[in-house]
Amino acid sequence: MNPGGPVEEAGATARSFIEALKGNPATLALVIANVGMMIFIFYALAKGGEFRDKMLAQENEFAKHVTELLSKCVVPQRGVFNLDEIPLPRSRPIIEP
């Protein structure tokens, strides 16, 4: 048994596969295109996962910031304000044509 047995066997299998596909180059092109597409999809999904993690971290950071800002707001108790005390906008004069 050779020390590089599995590597040599994989190489021999790949060589025989390529030799078998030499007679039909369209099939070889489709196999190469499929392998390339699988690599691209793996890369795109990996980058999409990184983007999703980054966006979730930013969203959590934003929610913490909003919570801190809202916790500093003073909320008046019910019944403290009278409607007469609340400044309302002045009514506009009616201009007739």
PDB file of N, CA and C in Angstrom:
ATOM      1  N   MET A   1       0.841  -1.179   0.000  1.00  0.00           N
ATOM      2  CA  MET A   1       0.000   0.000   0.000  1.00  0.00           C
ATOM      3  C   MET A   1       0.883   1.237   0.000  1.00  0.00           C
ATOM      4  N   ASN A   2       0.598   2.145  -0.886  1.00  0.00           N
ATOM      5  CA  ASN A   2       1.370   3.378  -1.000  1.00  0.00           C
ATOM      6  C   ASN A   2       0.941   4.386   0.064  1.00  0.00           C
ATOM      7  N   PRO A   3       1.892   5.226   0.526  1.00  0.00           N
ATOM      8  CA  PRO A   3       1.524   6.221   1.538  1.00  0.00           C
ATOM      9  C   PRO A   3       0.534   7.264   1.006  1.00  0.00           C
ATOM     10  N   GLY A   4       0.557   7.551  -0.271  1.00  0.00           N
ATOM     11  CA  GLY A   4      -0.358   8.547  -0.832  1.00  0.00           C
ATOM     12  C   GLY A   4      -1.543   7.884  -1.494  1.00  0.00           C
ATOM     13  N   GLY A   5      -1.963   6.734  -1.031  1.00  0.00           N
ATOM     14  CA  GLY A   5      -3.013   5.936  -1.651  1.00  0.00           C
ATOM     15  C   GLY A   5      -4.318   6.674  -1.893  1.00  0.00           C
ATOM     16  N   PRO A   6      -4.946   7.249  -0.873  1.00  0.00           N
ATOM     17  CA  PRO A   6      -6.226   7.914  -1.101  1.00  0.00           C
ATOM     18  C   PRO A   6      -6.109   9.112  -2.039  1.00  0.00           C
ATOM     19  N   VAL A   7      -5.007   9.841  -1.929  1.00  0.00           N
ATOM     20  CA  VAL A   7      -4.816  11.005  -2.802  1.00  0.00           C
ATOM     21  C   VAL A   7      -4.630  10.557  -4.242  1.00  0.00           C
ATOM     22  N   GLU A   8      -3.836   9.517  -4.426  1.00  0.00           N
ATOM     23  CA  GLU A   8      -3.623   8.996  -5.781  1.00  0.00           C
ATOM     24  C   GLU A   8      -4.912   8.434  -6.358  1.00  0.00           C
ATOM     25  N   GLU A   9      -5.723   7.766  -5.541  1.00  0.00           N
ATOM     26  CA  GLU A   9      -6.996   7.217  -6.014  1.00  0.00           C
ATOM     27  C   GLU A   9      -7.956   8.336  -6.416  1.00  0.00           C
ATOM     28  N   ALA A  10      -8.003   9.405  -5.627  1.00  0.00           N
ATOM     29  CA  ALA A  10      -8.871  10.537  -5.969  1.00  0.00           C
ATOM     30  C   ALA A  10      -8.412  11.179  -7.270  1.00  0.00           C
ATOM     31  N   GLY A  11      -7.107  11.315  -7.439  1.00  0.00           N
ATOM     32  CA  GLY A  11      -6.567  11.870  -8.679  1.00  0.00           C
ATOM     33  C   GLY A  11      -6.880  10.997  -9.878  1.00  0.00           C
ATOM     34  N   ALA A  12      -6.724   9.697  -9.705  1.00  0.00           N
ATOM     35  CA  ALA A  12      -7.016   8.770 -10.810  1.00  0.00           C
ATOM     36  C   ALA A  12      -8.502   8.808 -11.165  1.00  0.00           C
ATOM     37  N   THR A  13      -9.358   8.916 -10.163  1.00  0.00           N
ATOM     38  CA  THR A  13     -10.796   9.004 -10.420  1.00  0.00           C
ATOM     39  C   THR A  13     -11.129  10.285 -11.161  1.00  0.00           C
ATOM     40  N   ALA A  14     -10.528  11.396 -10.740  1.00  0.00           N
ATOM     41  CA  ALA A  14     -10.771  12.673 -11.417  1.00  0.00           C
ATOM     42  C   ALA A  14     -10.275  12.613 -12.863  1.00  0.00           C
ATOM     43  N   ARG A  15      -9.091  12.014 -13.084  1.00  0.00           N
ATOM     44  CA  ARG A  15      -8.555  11.902 -14.447  1.00  0.00           C
ATOM     45  C   ARG A  15      -9.466  11.055 -15.324  1.00  0.00           C
ATOM     46  N   SER A  16      -9.947   9.946 -14.776  1.00  0.00           N
ATOM     47  CA  SER A  16     -10.834   9.088 -15.577  1.00  0.00           C
ATOM     48  C   SER A  16     -12.168   9.787 -15.847  1.00  0.00           C
ATOM     49  N   PHE A  17     -12.650  10.589 -14.910  1.00  0.00           N
ATOM     50  CA  PHE A  17     -13.885  11.341 -15.111  1.00  0.00           C
ATOM     51  C   PHE A  17     -13.717  12.370 -16.231  1.00  0.00           C
ATOM     52  N   ILE A  18     -12.585  13.081 -16.218  1.00  0.00           N
ATOM     53  CA  ILE A  18     -12.309  14.078 -17.258  1.00  0.00           C
ATOM     54  C   ILE A  18     -12.145  13.385 -18.610  1.00  0.00           C
ATOM     55  N   GLU A  19     -11.462  12.243 -18.644  1.00  0.00           N
ATOM     56  CA  GLU A  19     -11.284  11.506 -19.898  1.00  0.00           C
ATOM     57  C   GLU A  19     -12.632  11.046 -20.459  1.00  0.00           C
ATOM     58  N   ALA A  20     -13.538  10.642 -19.569  1.00  0.00           N
ATOM     59  CA  ALA A  20     -14.850  10.192 -20.031  1.00  0.00           C
ATOM     60  C   ALA A  20     -15.664  11.355 -20.581  1.00  0.00           C
ATOM     61  N   LEU A  21     -15.473  12.536 -20.029  1.00  0.00           N
ATOM     62  CA  LEU A  21     -16.235  13.702 -20.479  1.00  0.00           C
ATOM     63  C   LEU A  21     -15.603  14.413 -21.675  1.00  0.00           C
ATOM     64  N   LYS A  22     -14.394  14.017 -22.072  1.00  0.00           N
ATOM     65  CA  LYS A  22     -13.758  14.658 -23.228  1.00  0.00           C
ATOM     66  C   LYS A  22     -14.562  14.427 -24.501  1.00  0.00           C
ATOM     67  N   GLY A  23     -15.246  13.311 -24.557  1.00  0.00           N
ATOM     68  CA  GLY A  23     -16.046  13.006 -25.738  1.00  0.00           C
ATOM     69  C   GLY A  23     -17.288  13.882 -25.829  1.00  0.00           C
ATOM     70  N   ASN A  24     -17.735  14.432 -24.712  1.00  0.00           N
ATOM     71  CA  ASN A  24     -18.927  15.278 -24.695  1.00  0.00           C
ATOM     72  C   ASN A  24     -18.602  16.555 -23.927  1.00  0.00           C
ATOM     73  N   PRO A  25     -18.068  17.583 -24.597  1.00  0.00           N
ATOM     74  CA  PRO A  25     -17.638  18.790 -23.893  1.00  0.00           C
ATOM     75  C   PRO A  25     -18.788  19.583 -23.277  1.00  0.00           C
ATOM     76  N   ALA A  26     -19.998  19.454 -23.798  1.00  0.00           N
ATOM     77  CA  ALA A  26     -21.132  20.178 -23.227  1.00  0.00           C
ATOM     78  C   ALA A  26     -21.408  19.691 -21.809  1.00  0.00           C
ATOM     79  N   THR A  27     -21.303  18.406 -21.601  1.00  0.00           N
ATOM     80  CA  THR A  27     -21.525  17.852 -20.266  1.00  0.00           C
ATOM     81  C   THR A  27     -20.444  18.337 -19.310  1.00  0.00           C
ATOM     82  N   LEU A  28     -19.211  18.376 -19.771  1.00  0.00           N
ATOM     83  CA  LEU A  28     -18.120  18.884 -18.945  1.00  0.00           C
ATOM     84  C   LEU A  28     -18.357  20.339 -18.577  1.00  0.00           C
ATOM     85  N   ALA A  29     -18.809  21.145 -19.539  1.00  0.00           N
ATOM     86  CA  ALA A  29     -19.089  22.555 -19.260  1.00  0.00           C
ATOM     87  C   ALA A  29     -20.213  22.695 -18.238  1.00  0.00           C
ATOM     88  N   LEU A  30     -21.238  21.870 -18.342  1.00  0.00           N
ATOM     89  CA  LEU A  30     -22.346  21.928 -17.383  1.00  0.00           C
ATOM     90  C   LEU A  30     -21.895  21.528 -15.976  1.00  0.00           C
ATOM     91  N   VAL A  31     -21.040  20.524 -15.895  1.00  0.00           N
ATOM     92  CA  VAL A  31     -20.530  20.108 -14.588  1.00  0.00           C
ATOM     93  C   VAL A  31     -19.721  21.233 -13.961  1.00  0.00           C
ATOM     94  N   ILE A  32     -18.858  21.859 -14.740  1.00  0.00           N
ATOM     95  CA  ILE A  32     -18.041  22.967 -14.230  1.00  0.00           C
ATOM     96  C   ILE A  32     -18.935  24.140 -13.828  1.00  0.00           C
ATOM     97  N   ALA A  33     -19.974  24.428 -14.634  1.00  0.00           N
ATOM     98  CA  ALA A  33     -20.887  25.519 -14.298  1.00  0.00           C
ATOM     99  C   ALA A  33     -21.651  25.227 -13.006  1.00  0.00           C
ATOM    100  N   ASN A  34     -22.061  23.984 -12.828  1.00  0.00           N
ATOM    101  CA  ASN A  34     -22.778  23.628 -11.597  1.00  0.00           C
ATOM    102  C   ASN A  34     -21.892  23.755 -10.366  1.00  0.00           C
ATOM    103  N   VAL A  35     -20.653  23.325 -10.484  1.00  0.00           N
ATOM    104  CA  VAL A  35     -19.725  23.458  -9.356  1.00  0.00           C
ATOM    105  C   VAL A  35     -19.490  24.938  -9.050  1.00  0.00           C
ATOM    106  N   GLY A  36     -19.308  25.739 -10.087  1.00  0.00           N
ATOM    107  CA  GLY A  36     -19.138  27.184  -9.881  1.00  0.00           C
ATOM    108  C   GLY A  36     -20.356  27.812  -9.236  1.00  0.00           C
ATOM    109  N   MET A  37     -21.551  27.393  -9.654  1.00  0.00           N
ATOM    110  CA  MET A  37     -22.773  27.932  -9.069  1.00  0.00           C
ATOM    111  C   MET A  37     -22.887  27.539  -7.595  1.00  0.00           C
ATOM    112  N   MET A  38     -22.522  26.316  -7.252  1.00  0.00           N
ATOM    113  CA  MET A  38     -22.575  25.900  -5.849  1.00  0.00           C
ATOM    114  C   MET A  38     -21.619  26.719  -4.994  1.00  0.00           C
ATOM    115  N   ILE A  39     -20.429  26.992  -5.524  1.00  0.00           N
ATOM    116  CA  ILE A  39     -19.459  27.818  -4.790  1.00  0.00           C
ATOM    117  C   ILE A  39     -20.006  29.222  -4.608  1.00  0.00           C
ATOM    118  N   PHE A  40     -20.597  29.790  -5.664  1.00  0.00           N
ATOM    119  CA  PHE A  40     -21.162  31.133  -5.577  1.00  0.00           C
ATOM    120  C   PHE A  40     -22.300  31.196  -4.563  1.00  0.00           C
ATOM    121  N   ILE A  41     -23.192  30.206  -4.572  1.00  0.00           N
ATOM    122  CA  ILE A  41     -24.323  30.206  -3.641  1.00  0.00           C
ATOM    123  C   ILE A  41     -23.825  30.092  -2.206  1.00  0.00           C
ATOM    124  N   PHE A  42     -22.831  29.245  -1.971  1.00  0.00           N
ATOM    125  CA  PHE A  42     -22.264  29.127  -0.628  1.00  0.00           C
ATOM    126  C   PHE A  42     -21.689  30.459  -0.173  1.00  0.00           C
ATOM    127  N   TYR A  43     -20.944  31.128  -1.056  1.00  0.00           N
ATOM    128  CA  TYR A  43     -20.340  32.418  -0.713  1.00  0.00           C
ATOM    129  C   TYR A  43     -21.418  33.457  -0.429  1.00  0.00           C
ATOM    130  N   ALA A  44     -22.453  33.514  -1.284  1.00  0.00           N
ATOM    131  CA  ALA A  44     -23.517  34.505  -1.113  1.00  0.00           C
ATOM    132  C   ALA A  44     -24.275  34.271   0.193  1.00  0.00           C
ATOM    133  N   LEU A  45     -24.566  33.022   0.521  1.00  0.00           N
ATOM    134  CA  LEU A  45     -25.277  32.736   1.762  1.00  0.00           C
ATOM    135  C   LEU A  45     -24.421  33.047   2.993  1.00  0.00           C
ATOM    136  N   ALA A  46     -23.126  32.796   2.889  1.00  0.00           N
ATOM    137  CA  ALA A  46     -22.242  33.109   4.015  1.00  0.00           C
ATOM    138  C   ALA A  46     -22.192  34.613   4.250  1.00  0.00           C
ATOM    139  N   LYS A  47     -22.058  35.386   3.166  1.00  0.00           N
ATOM    140  CA  LYS A  47     -22.029  36.844   3.302  1.00  0.00           C
ATOM    141  C   LYS A  47     -23.385  37.377   3.770  1.00  0.00           C
ATOM    142  N   GLY A  48     -24.472  36.761   3.303  1.00  0.00           N
ATOM    143  CA  GLY A  48     -25.802  37.160   3.753  1.00  0.00           C
ATOM    144  C   GLY A  48     -25.983  36.921   5.244  1.00  0.00           C
ATOM    145  N   GLY A  49     -25.446  35.821   5.748  1.00  0.00           N
ATOM    146  CA  GLY A  49     -25.503  35.541   7.181  1.00  0.00           C
ATOM    147  C   GLY A  49     -24.720  36.559   7.990  1.00  0.00           C
ATOM    148  N   GLU A  50     -23.553  36.936   7.497  1.00  0.00           N
ATOM    149  CA  GLU A  50     -22.762  37.964   8.179  1.00  0.00           C
ATOM    150  C   GLU A  50     -23.509  39.296   8.200  1.00  0.00           C
ATOM    151  N   PHE A  51     -24.138  39.645   7.080  1.00  0.00           N
ATOM    152  CA  PHE A  51     -24.897  40.894   7.000  1.00  0.00           C
ATOM    153  C   PHE A  51     -26.075  40.867   7.975  1.00  0.00           C
ATOM    154  N   ARG A  52     -26.772  39.731   8.041  1.00  0.00           N
ATOM    155  CA  ARG A  52     -27.914  39.608   8.953  1.00  0.00           C
ATOM    156  C   ARG A  52     -27.463  39.760  10.405  1.00  0.00           C
ATOM    157  N   ASP A  53     -26.357  39.134  10.772  1.00  0.00           N
ATOM    158  CA  ASP A  53     -25.848  39.255  12.140  1.00  0.00           C
ATOM    159  C   ASP A  53     -25.486  40.695  12.464  1.00  0.00           C
ATOM    160  N   LYS A  54     -24.856  41.369  11.504  1.00  0.00           N
ATOM    161  CA  LYS A  54     -24.464  42.768  11.703  1.00  0.00           C
ATOM    162  C   LYS A  54     -25.701  43.651  11.868  1.00  0.00           C
ATOM    163  N   MET A  55     -26.725  43.420  11.044  1.00  0.00           N
ATOM    164  CA  MET A  55     -27.947  44.231  11.133  1.00  0.00           C
ATOM    165  C   MET A  55     -28.678  43.987  12.454  1.00  0.00           C
ATOM    166  N   LEU A  56     -28.719  42.744  12.924  1.00  0.00           N
ATOM    167  CA  LEU A  56     -29.371  42.458  14.207  1.00  0.00           C
ATOM    168  C   LEU A  56     -28.627  43.127  15.355  1.00  0.00           C
ATOM    169  N   ALA A  57     -27.307  43.127  15.299  1.00  0.00           N
ATOM    170  CA  ALA A  57     -26.531  43.796  16.341  1.00  0.00           C
ATOM    171  C   ALA A  57     -26.809  45.295  16.324  1.00  0.00           C
ATOM    172  N   GLN A  58     -26.872  45.895  15.135  1.00  0.00           N
ATOM    173  CA  GLN A  58     -27.171  47.321  15.052  1.00  0.00           C
ATOM    174  C   GLN A  58     -28.584  47.622  15.536  1.00  0.00           C
ATOM    175  N   GLU A  59     -29.522  46.752  15.224  1.00  0.00           N
ATOM    176  CA  GLU A  59     -30.901  46.962  15.666  1.00  0.00           C
ATOM    177  C   GLU A  59     -31.008  46.894  17.189  1.00  0.00           C
ATOM    178  N   ASN A  60     -30.302  45.938  17.785  1.00  0.00           N
ATOM    179  CA  ASN A  60     -30.306  45.840  19.248  1.00  0.00           C
ATOM    180  C   ASN A  60     -29.664  47.069  19.880  1.00  0.00           C
ATOM    181  N   GLU A  61     -28.587  47.554  19.288  1.00  0.00           N
ATOM    182  CA  GLU A  61     -27.921  48.761  19.783  1.00  0.00           C
ATOM    183  C   GLU A  61     -28.864  49.952  19.703  1.00  0.00           C
ATOM    184  N   PHE A  62     -29.577  50.079  18.600  1.00  0.00           N
ATOM    185  CA  PHE A  62     -30.525  51.177  18.418  1.00  0.00           C
ATOM    186  C   PHE A  62     -31.657  51.081  19.439  1.00  0.00           C
ATOM    187  N   ALA A  63     -32.163  49.873  19.672  1.00  0.00           N
ATOM    188  CA  ALA A  63     -33.237  49.693  20.650  1.00  0.00           C
ATOM    189  C   ALA A  63     -32.766  50.077  22.059  1.00  0.00           C
ATOM    190  N   LYS A  64     -31.536  49.740  22.408  1.00  0.00           N
ATOM    191  CA  LYS A  64     -30.992  50.132  23.712  1.00  0.00           C
ATOM    192  C   LYS A  64     -30.913  51.647  23.820  1.00  0.00           C
ATOM    193  N   HIS A  65     -30.460  52.282  22.742  1.00  0.00           N
ATOM    194  CA  HIS A  65     -30.328  53.734  22.744  1.00  0.00           C
ATOM    195  C   HIS A  65     -31.696  54.400  22.900  1.00  0.00           C
ATOM    196  N   VAL A  66     -32.678  53.924  22.180  1.00  0.00           N
ATOM    197  CA  VAL A  66     -34.031  54.478  22.273  1.00  0.00           C
ATOM    198  C   VAL A  66     -34.589  54.257  23.667  1.00  0.00           C
ATOM    199  N   THR A  67     -34.352  53.097  24.248  1.00  0.00           N
ATOM    200  CA  THR A  67     -34.834  52.815  25.594  1.00  0.00           C
ATOM    201  C   THR A  67     -34.208  53.762  26.609  1.00  0.00           C
ATOM    202  N   GLU A  68     -32.907  54.011  26.451  1.00  0.00           N
ATOM    203  CA  GLU A  68     -32.238  54.949  27.365  1.00  0.00           C
ATOM    204  C   GLU A  68     -32.816  56.348  27.226  1.00  0.00           C
ATOM    205  N   LEU A  69     -33.061  56.782  26.002  1.00  0.00           N
ATOM    206  CA  LEU A  69     -33.632  58.119  25.794  1.00  0.00           C
ATOM    207  C   LEU A  69     -35.042  58.216  26.371  1.00  0.00           C
ATOM    208  N   LEU A  70     -35.839  57.198  26.163  1.00  0.00           N
ATOM    209  CA  LEU A  70     -37.206  57.231  26.681  1.00  0.00           C
ATOM    210  C   LEU A  70     -37.248  57.140  28.200  1.00  0.00           C
ATOM    211  N   SER A  71     -36.261  56.479  28.792  1.00  0.00           N
ATOM    212  CA  SER A  71     -36.247  56.382  30.248  1.00  0.00           C
ATOM    213  C   SER A  71     -35.935  57.723  30.901  1.00  0.00           C
ATOM    214  N   LYS A  72     -35.341  58.649  30.157  1.00  0.00           N
ATOM    215  CA  LYS A  72     -35.021  59.969  30.695  1.00  0.00           C
ATOM    216  C   LYS A  72     -36.177  60.957  30.544  1.00  0.00           C
ATOM    217  N   CYS A  73     -37.218  60.562  29.821  1.00  0.00           N
ATOM    218  CA  CYS A  73     -38.370  61.444  29.625  1.00  0.00           C
ATOM    219  C   CYS A  73     -39.210  61.483  30.892  1.00  0.00           C
ATOM    220  N   VAL A  74     -39.793  62.667  31.160  1.00  0.00           N
ATOM    221  CA  VAL A  74     -40.682  62.825  32.304  1.00  0.00           C
ATOM    222  C   VAL A  74     -42.105  62.723  31.785  1.00  0.00           C
ATOM    223  N   VAL A  75     -42.830  61.768  32.315  1.00  0.00           N
ATOM    224  CA  VAL A  75     -44.212  61.568  31.901  1.00  0.00           C
ATOM    225  C   VAL A  75     -45.105  62.169  32.980  1.00  0.00           C
ATOM    226  N   PRO A  76     -45.981  63.122  32.622  1.00  0.00           N
ATOM    227  CA  PRO A  76     -46.846  63.725  33.639  1.00  0.00           C
ATOM    228  C   PRO A  76     -47.896  62.724  34.126  1.00  0.00           C
ATOM    229  N   GLN A  77     -48.313  62.912  35.344  1.00  0.00           N
ATOM    230  CA  GLN A  77     -49.335  62.040  35.905  1.00  0.00           C
ATOM    231  C   GLN A  77     -50.684  62.366  35.271  1.00  0.00           C
ATOM    232  N   ARG A  78     -51.593  61.443  35.342  1.00  0.00           N
ATOM    233  CA  ARG A  78     -52.932  61.668  34.793  1.00  0.00           C
ATOM    234  C   ARG A  78     -53.662  62.705  35.642  1.00  0.00           C
ATOM    235  N   GLY A  79     -54.392  63.544  34.953  1.00  0.00           N
ATOM    236  CA  GLY A  79     -55.224  64.517  35.643  1.00  0.00           C
ATOM    237  C   GLY A  79     -54.495  65.751  36.115  1.00  0.00           C
ATOM    238  N   VAL A  80     -53.191  65.875  35.821  1.00  0.00           N
ATOM    239  CA  VAL A  80     -52.432  67.040  36.270  1.00  0.00           C
ATOM    240  C   VAL A  80     -52.756  68.250  35.398  1.00  0.00           C
ATOM    241  N   PHE A  81     -52.906  68.060  34.113  1.00  0.00           N
ATOM    242  CA  PHE A  81     -53.139  69.172  33.206  1.00  0.00           C
ATOM    243  C   PHE A  81     -54.628  69.436  33.041  1.00  0.00           C
ATOM    244  N   ASN A  82     -54.932  70.682  32.925  1.00  0.00           N
ATOM    245  CA  ASN A  82     -56.275  71.133  32.602  1.00  0.00           C
ATOM    246  C   ASN A  82     -56.280  71.484  31.127  1.00  0.00           C
ATOM    247  N   LEU A  83     -57.371  71.307  30.452  1.00  0.00           N
ATOM    248  CA  LEU A  83     -57.415  71.662  29.040  1.00  0.00           C
ATOM    249  C   LEU A  83     -57.219  73.150  28.825  1.00  0.00           C
ATOM    250  N   ASP A  84     -57.562  73.955  29.834  1.00  0.00           N
ATOM    251  CA  ASP A  84     -57.380  75.407  29.700  1.00  0.00           C
ATOM    252  C   ASP A  84     -55.909  75.789  29.763  1.00  0.00           C
ATOM    253  N   GLU A  85     -55.083  74.952  30.391  1.00  0.00           N
ATOM    254  CA  GLU A  85     -53.664  75.262  30.532  1.00  0.00           C
ATOM    255  C   GLU A  85     -52.847  74.866  29.302  1.00  0.00           C
ATOM    256  N   ILE A  86     -53.399  73.998  28.472  1.00  0.00           N
ATOM    257  CA  ILE A  86     -52.656  73.537  27.310  1.00  0.00           C
ATOM    258  C   ILE A  86     -52.755  74.593  26.219  1.00  0.00           C
ATOM    259  N   PRO A  87     -51.628  75.108  25.756  1.00  0.00           N
ATOM    260  CA  PRO A  87     -51.699  76.135  24.701  1.00  0.00           C
ATOM    261  C   PRO A  87     -52.147  75.515  23.380  1.00  0.00           C
ATOM    262  N   LEU A  88     -53.188  76.066  22.824  1.00  0.00           N
ATOM    263  CA  LEU A  88     -53.711  75.595  21.550  1.00  0.00           C
ATOM    264  C   LEU A  88     -53.303  76.570  20.460  1.00  0.00           C
ATOM    265  N   PRO A  89     -53.196  76.127  19.238  1.00  0.00           N
ATOM    266  CA  PRO A  89     -52.848  77.061  18.159  1.00  0.00           C
ATOM    267  C   PRO A  89     -53.981  78.063  17.939  1.00  0.00           C
ATOM    268  N   ARG A  90     -53.561  79.278  17.559  1.00  0.00           N
ATOM    269  CA  ARG A  90     -54.572  80.306  17.301  1.00  0.00           C
ATOM    270  C   ARG A  90     -55.381  79.934  16.072  1.00  0.00           C
ATOM    271  N   SER A  91     -56.636  80.278  16.101  1.00  0.00           N
ATOM    272  CA  SER A  91     -57.475  79.982  14.943  1.00  0.00           C
ATOM    273  C   SER A  91     -57.162  80.995  13.848  1.00  0.00           C
ATOM    274  N   ARG A  92     -57.217  80.534  12.644  1.00  0.00           N
ATOM    275  CA  ARG A  92     -56.938  81.398  11.506  1.00  0.00           C
ATOM    276  C   ARG A  92     -58.211  82.163  11.112  1.00  0.00           C
ATOM    277  N   PRO A  93     -58.042  83.377  10.681  1.00  0.00           N
ATOM    278  CA  PRO A  93     -59.245  84.123  10.255  1.00  0.00           C
ATOM    279  C   PRO A  93     -59.770  83.549   8.940  1.00  0.00           C
ATOM    280  N   ILE A  94     -61.078  83.574   8.809  1.00  0.00           N
ATOM    281  CA  ILE A  94     -61.715  83.069   7.598  1.00  0.00           C
ATOM    282  C   ILE A  94     -61.722  84.196   6.579  1.00  0.00           C
ATOM    283  N   ILE A  95     -61.116  83.946   5.453  1.00  0.00           N
ATOM    284  CA  ILE A  95     -61.059  84.953   4.386  1.00  0.00           C
ATOM    285  C   ILE A  95     -62.048  84.542   3.313  1.00  0.00           C
ATOM    286  N   GLU A  96     -63.033  85.385   3.102  1.00  0.00           N
ATOM    287  CA  GLU A  96     -64.039  85.087   2.084  1.00  0.00           C
ATOM    288  C   GLU A  96     -63.627  85.680   0.758  1.00  0.00           C
ATOM    289  N   PRO A  97     -63.855  84.992  -0.336  1.00  0.00           N
ATOM    290  CA  PRO A  97     -63.449  85.513  -1.641  1.00  0.00           C
ATOM    291  C   PRO A  97     -64.362  86.624  -2.165  1.00  0.00           C
TER     292      PRO A  97
END
